[in-house]
Structures are given as structure tokens and as C-alpha cells.
N, C-alpha and C. Protein backbone atom coordinates (compact mmCIF):
# COMPACT_ATOMS: atom_id res chain seq x y z
N MET A 1 -9.95 -11.47 -1.73
CA MET A 1 -9.25 -10.94 -0.61
C MET A 1 -9.83 -11.49 0.69
N MET A 2 -11.13 -11.60 0.74
CA MET A 2 -11.77 -12.13 1.94
C MET A 2 -11.33 -13.58 2.20
N ALA A 3 -11.17 -14.36 1.13
CA ALA A 3 -10.71 -15.74 1.28
C ALA A 3 -9.28 -15.76 1.83
N ALA A 4 -8.44 -14.84 1.38
CA ALA A 4 -7.07 -14.76 1.88
C ALA A 4 -7.06 -14.36 3.35
N PHE A 5 -7.93 -13.43 3.74
CA PHE A 5 -8.04 -13.05 5.15
C PHE A 5 -8.45 -14.25 6.00
N ALA A 6 -9.45 -14.99 5.52
CA ALA A 6 -9.93 -16.16 6.27
C ALA A 6 -8.85 -17.23 6.36
N LYS A 7 -8.14 -17.47 5.27
CA LYS A 7 -7.09 -18.49 5.26
C LYS A 7 -5.96 -18.13 6.22
N ALA A 8 -5.63 -16.84 6.31
CA ALA A 8 -4.56 -16.39 7.20
C ALA A 8 -5.06 -16.12 8.62
N ASN A 9 -6.36 -16.31 8.83
CA ASN A 9 -6.97 -16.09 10.14
C ASN A 9 -6.76 -14.65 10.62
N LEU A 10 -6.95 -13.70 9.71
CA LEU A 10 -6.81 -12.28 10.04
C LEU A 10 -8.18 -11.70 10.38
N PRO A 11 -8.33 -11.12 11.56
CA PRO A 11 -9.62 -10.54 11.93
C PRO A 11 -9.85 -9.19 11.24
N ILE A 12 -10.88 -9.09 10.45
CA ILE A 12 -11.17 -7.86 9.71
C ILE A 12 -11.43 -6.67 10.64
N PRO A 13 -12.07 -6.85 11.80
CA PRO A 13 -12.30 -5.68 12.67
C PRO A 13 -11.02 -4.98 13.12
N LYS A 14 -9.88 -5.64 13.02
CA LYS A 14 -8.62 -5.01 13.42
C LYS A 14 -7.94 -4.23 12.29
N LEU A 15 -8.54 -4.24 11.11
CA LEU A 15 -8.01 -3.48 9.98
C LEU A 15 -8.08 -2.00 10.30
N THR A 16 -6.96 -1.30 10.14
CA THR A 16 -6.95 0.14 10.40
C THR A 16 -6.61 0.97 9.17
N ALA A 17 -5.88 0.38 8.20
CA ALA A 17 -5.46 1.15 7.04
C ALA A 17 -5.16 0.24 5.86
N ILE A 18 -5.29 0.80 4.66
CA ILE A 18 -4.92 0.12 3.42
C ILE A 18 -3.98 1.04 2.67
N ALA A 19 -2.82 0.53 2.29
CA ALA A 19 -1.84 1.30 1.51
C ALA A 19 -1.93 0.86 0.05
N THR A 20 -2.02 1.80 -0.85
CA THR A 20 -2.15 1.49 -2.27
C THR A 20 -1.10 2.25 -3.07
N ASP A 21 -0.97 1.88 -4.34
CA ASP A 21 -0.01 2.55 -5.22
C ASP A 21 -0.66 3.68 -6.02
N GLY A 22 -1.92 3.94 -5.81
CA GLY A 22 -2.60 5.04 -6.48
C GLY A 22 -3.25 4.66 -7.80
N ALA A 23 -3.16 3.40 -8.22
CA ALA A 23 -3.78 2.97 -9.47
C ALA A 23 -5.31 2.99 -9.33
N PRO A 24 -6.04 3.30 -10.40
CA PRO A 24 -7.50 3.33 -10.33
C PRO A 24 -8.11 2.02 -9.83
N ALA A 25 -7.48 0.89 -10.14
CA ALA A 25 -8.00 -0.40 -9.68
C ALA A 25 -7.90 -0.51 -8.16
N MET A 26 -7.03 0.26 -7.57
CA MET A 26 -6.85 0.21 -6.12
C MET A 26 -7.68 1.27 -5.42
N ILE A 27 -7.74 2.49 -5.95
CA ILE A 27 -8.38 3.58 -5.22
C ILE A 27 -9.71 4.02 -5.82
N GLY A 28 -10.19 3.37 -6.87
CA GLY A 28 -11.45 3.77 -7.48
C GLY A 28 -12.58 3.82 -6.48
N SER A 29 -13.39 4.87 -6.52
CA SER A 29 -14.43 5.05 -5.52
C SER A 29 -15.57 4.04 -5.65
N VAL A 30 -15.70 3.39 -6.80
CA VAL A 30 -16.77 2.40 -6.98
C VAL A 30 -16.20 0.99 -7.16
N ASN A 31 -15.32 0.81 -8.13
CA ASN A 31 -14.80 -0.52 -8.44
C ASN A 31 -13.40 -0.79 -7.93
N GLY A 32 -12.75 0.19 -7.34
CA GLY A 32 -11.41 -0.02 -6.80
C GLY A 32 -11.46 -0.75 -5.47
N LEU A 33 -10.34 -1.28 -5.05
CA LEU A 33 -10.27 -2.02 -3.80
C LEU A 33 -10.75 -1.18 -2.62
N VAL A 34 -10.27 0.05 -2.51
CA VAL A 34 -10.66 0.91 -1.39
C VAL A 34 -12.16 1.19 -1.42
N GLY A 35 -12.69 1.49 -2.60
CA GLY A 35 -14.13 1.75 -2.73
C GLY A 35 -14.97 0.55 -2.37
N LEU A 36 -14.56 -0.63 -2.82
CA LEU A 36 -15.29 -1.85 -2.49
C LEU A 36 -15.24 -2.16 -1.00
N CYS A 37 -14.08 -1.92 -0.39
CA CYS A 37 -13.96 -2.17 1.06
C CYS A 37 -14.81 -1.18 1.86
N LYS A 38 -14.85 0.08 1.42
CA LYS A 38 -15.66 1.07 2.13
C LYS A 38 -17.15 0.77 1.98
N ALA A 39 -17.55 0.18 0.86
CA ALA A 39 -18.95 -0.14 0.64
C ALA A 39 -19.38 -1.42 1.38
N ASP A 40 -18.42 -2.26 1.73
CA ASP A 40 -18.71 -3.53 2.41
C ASP A 40 -18.96 -3.27 3.89
N GLN A 41 -20.10 -3.72 4.39
CA GLN A 41 -20.48 -3.49 5.79
C GLN A 41 -19.62 -4.26 6.78
N THR A 42 -18.91 -5.31 6.33
CA THR A 42 -18.09 -6.10 7.25
C THR A 42 -16.76 -5.42 7.56
N PHE A 43 -16.39 -4.40 6.78
CA PHE A 43 -15.14 -3.69 7.02
C PHE A 43 -15.37 -2.54 8.00
N PRO A 44 -14.43 -2.36 8.93
CA PRO A 44 -14.53 -1.19 9.81
C PRO A 44 -14.07 0.05 9.05
N GLU A 45 -14.23 1.21 9.66
CA GLU A 45 -13.69 2.42 9.05
C GLU A 45 -12.17 2.30 9.04
N PHE A 46 -11.55 2.74 7.95
CA PHE A 46 -10.09 2.64 7.83
C PHE A 46 -9.56 3.82 7.05
N TRP A 47 -8.25 4.04 7.21
CA TRP A 47 -7.56 5.06 6.44
C TRP A 47 -6.98 4.41 5.21
N ASN A 48 -6.84 5.19 4.15
CA ASN A 48 -6.12 4.68 2.99
C ASN A 48 -4.98 5.64 2.66
N PHE A 49 -3.83 5.05 2.36
CA PHE A 49 -2.61 5.80 2.12
C PHE A 49 -2.00 5.41 0.78
N HIS A 50 -1.24 6.34 0.24
CA HIS A 50 -0.43 6.08 -0.94
C HIS A 50 0.90 5.56 -0.42
N TYR A 51 1.46 4.49 -1.03
CA TYR A 51 2.73 3.92 -0.58
C TYR A 51 3.76 5.02 -0.37
N ILE A 52 4.42 4.99 0.77
CA ILE A 52 5.39 6.04 1.10
C ILE A 52 6.56 6.04 0.14
N ILE A 53 7.13 4.88 -0.16
CA ILE A 53 8.30 4.85 -1.06
C ILE A 53 7.89 5.30 -2.46
N HIS A 54 6.71 4.89 -2.91
CA HIS A 54 6.24 5.30 -4.23
C HIS A 54 6.03 6.81 -4.26
N ARG A 55 5.48 7.35 -3.18
CA ARG A 55 5.23 8.80 -3.09
C ARG A 55 6.56 9.55 -3.15
N GLU A 56 7.57 9.08 -2.41
CA GLU A 56 8.87 9.74 -2.43
C GLU A 56 9.50 9.68 -3.82
N GLN A 57 9.29 8.56 -4.50
CA GLN A 57 9.85 8.43 -5.85
C GLN A 57 9.18 9.44 -6.78
N LEU A 58 7.88 9.63 -6.65
CA LEU A 58 7.18 10.60 -7.49
C LEU A 58 7.66 12.02 -7.20
N VAL A 59 7.84 12.35 -5.93
CA VAL A 59 8.32 13.67 -5.56
C VAL A 59 9.73 13.89 -6.06
N SER A 60 10.59 12.87 -5.92
CA SER A 60 11.97 13.04 -6.34
C SER A 60 12.07 13.26 -7.85
N LYS A 61 11.15 12.67 -8.61
CA LYS A 61 11.16 12.91 -10.07
C LYS A 61 10.84 14.37 -10.38
N SER A 62 9.82 14.91 -9.70
CA SER A 62 9.41 16.28 -10.01
C SER A 62 10.41 17.31 -9.50
N LEU A 63 11.16 16.98 -8.45
CA LEU A 63 12.14 17.92 -7.91
C LEU A 63 13.57 17.65 -8.37
N ASN A 64 13.72 16.66 -9.24
CA ASN A 64 15.04 16.25 -9.74
C ASN A 64 15.99 15.86 -8.60
N LEU A 65 15.44 15.17 -7.61
CA LEU A 65 16.26 14.65 -6.52
C LEU A 65 16.57 13.20 -6.83
N TYR A 66 17.66 12.72 -6.35
CA TYR A 66 18.06 11.35 -6.63
C TYR A 66 18.10 10.55 -5.33
N VAL A 67 16.94 10.42 -4.69
CA VAL A 67 16.86 9.70 -3.42
C VAL A 67 16.60 8.22 -3.62
N MET A 68 16.07 7.82 -4.74
CA MET A 68 15.69 6.42 -4.93
C MET A 68 16.91 5.52 -5.10
N LYS A 69 18.00 6.02 -5.67
CA LYS A 69 19.16 5.16 -5.86
C LYS A 69 19.70 4.66 -4.52
N PRO A 70 19.94 5.55 -3.53
CA PRO A 70 20.41 5.03 -2.24
C PRO A 70 19.36 4.15 -1.54
N VAL A 71 18.09 4.48 -1.70
CA VAL A 71 17.04 3.67 -1.09
C VAL A 71 17.06 2.27 -1.68
N MET A 72 17.16 2.17 -3.00
CA MET A 72 17.19 0.85 -3.65
C MET A 72 18.46 0.08 -3.28
N GLU A 73 19.57 0.76 -3.12
CA GLU A 73 20.80 0.10 -2.70
C GLU A 73 20.64 -0.49 -1.30
N ILE A 74 20.00 0.25 -0.41
CA ILE A 74 19.77 -0.24 0.95
C ILE A 74 18.83 -1.44 0.93
N VAL A 75 17.75 -1.33 0.18
CA VAL A 75 16.78 -2.44 0.09
C VAL A 75 17.46 -3.68 -0.47
N ASN A 76 18.23 -3.53 -1.54
CA ASN A 76 18.92 -4.67 -2.13
C ASN A 76 19.94 -5.27 -1.17
N TYR A 77 20.63 -4.43 -0.42
CA TYR A 77 21.59 -4.91 0.56
C TYR A 77 20.89 -5.75 1.63
N ILE A 78 19.76 -5.27 2.11
CA ILE A 78 19.00 -6.01 3.12
C ILE A 78 18.51 -7.32 2.55
N ARG A 79 18.01 -7.30 1.31
CA ARG A 79 17.46 -8.52 0.70
C ARG A 79 18.51 -9.58 0.47
N THR A 80 19.77 -9.19 0.28
CA THR A 80 20.81 -10.19 0.06
C THR A 80 21.19 -10.93 1.34
N GLY A 81 20.73 -10.43 2.47
CA GLY A 81 20.99 -11.09 3.74
C GLY A 81 22.32 -10.74 4.36
N LYS A 82 22.98 -9.73 3.86
CA LYS A 82 24.27 -9.34 4.41
C LYS A 82 24.13 -8.45 5.62
N ALA A 83 22.94 -7.97 5.87
CA ALA A 83 22.72 -7.05 6.98
C ALA A 83 22.60 -7.79 8.29
């Protein structure tokens, strides 16, 4: 990841947040991405979030709401370039 930051010329001190999907490889307190970044002294303090769309999808499953179908239709419409 550090090599990708350097290649893209992204300044690490400007990092404010990391969004993850909630997988252990991403949020693990020791070996996950967030844990490794928090342990690295070159990283500033940052917030970590669960992806908003993924979170809504999880909530809609538990509440039997069908919000993801219209969301996916909108995303697909935008991706086709018709917007």
C-alpha cells in the first residue's frame, strides 16, 4: 500500500479515514489493514468506517427492506454512461 501511495504521489499526512468492508483482513486489530496502519508511526490518526452501501445492504437484509435493487439500478445506469 505504501508503494501505491508513493507511486500516486499521495501524502500520507493528509489521510483522514479508511473505509472497509468489515472483513477481518481489513479491520483486524493486529494483522488487519486498519490495525497495521494504526501501529505504523508514519500514519496520522484516522477514522475507520464500514462501507456505507455495504452497511445499508446488511440492514436491509435484517429488516426485509428492498433498497439495494433501486440502488444497483442507479449505479448500473450511471456506469453505462447514459446519465
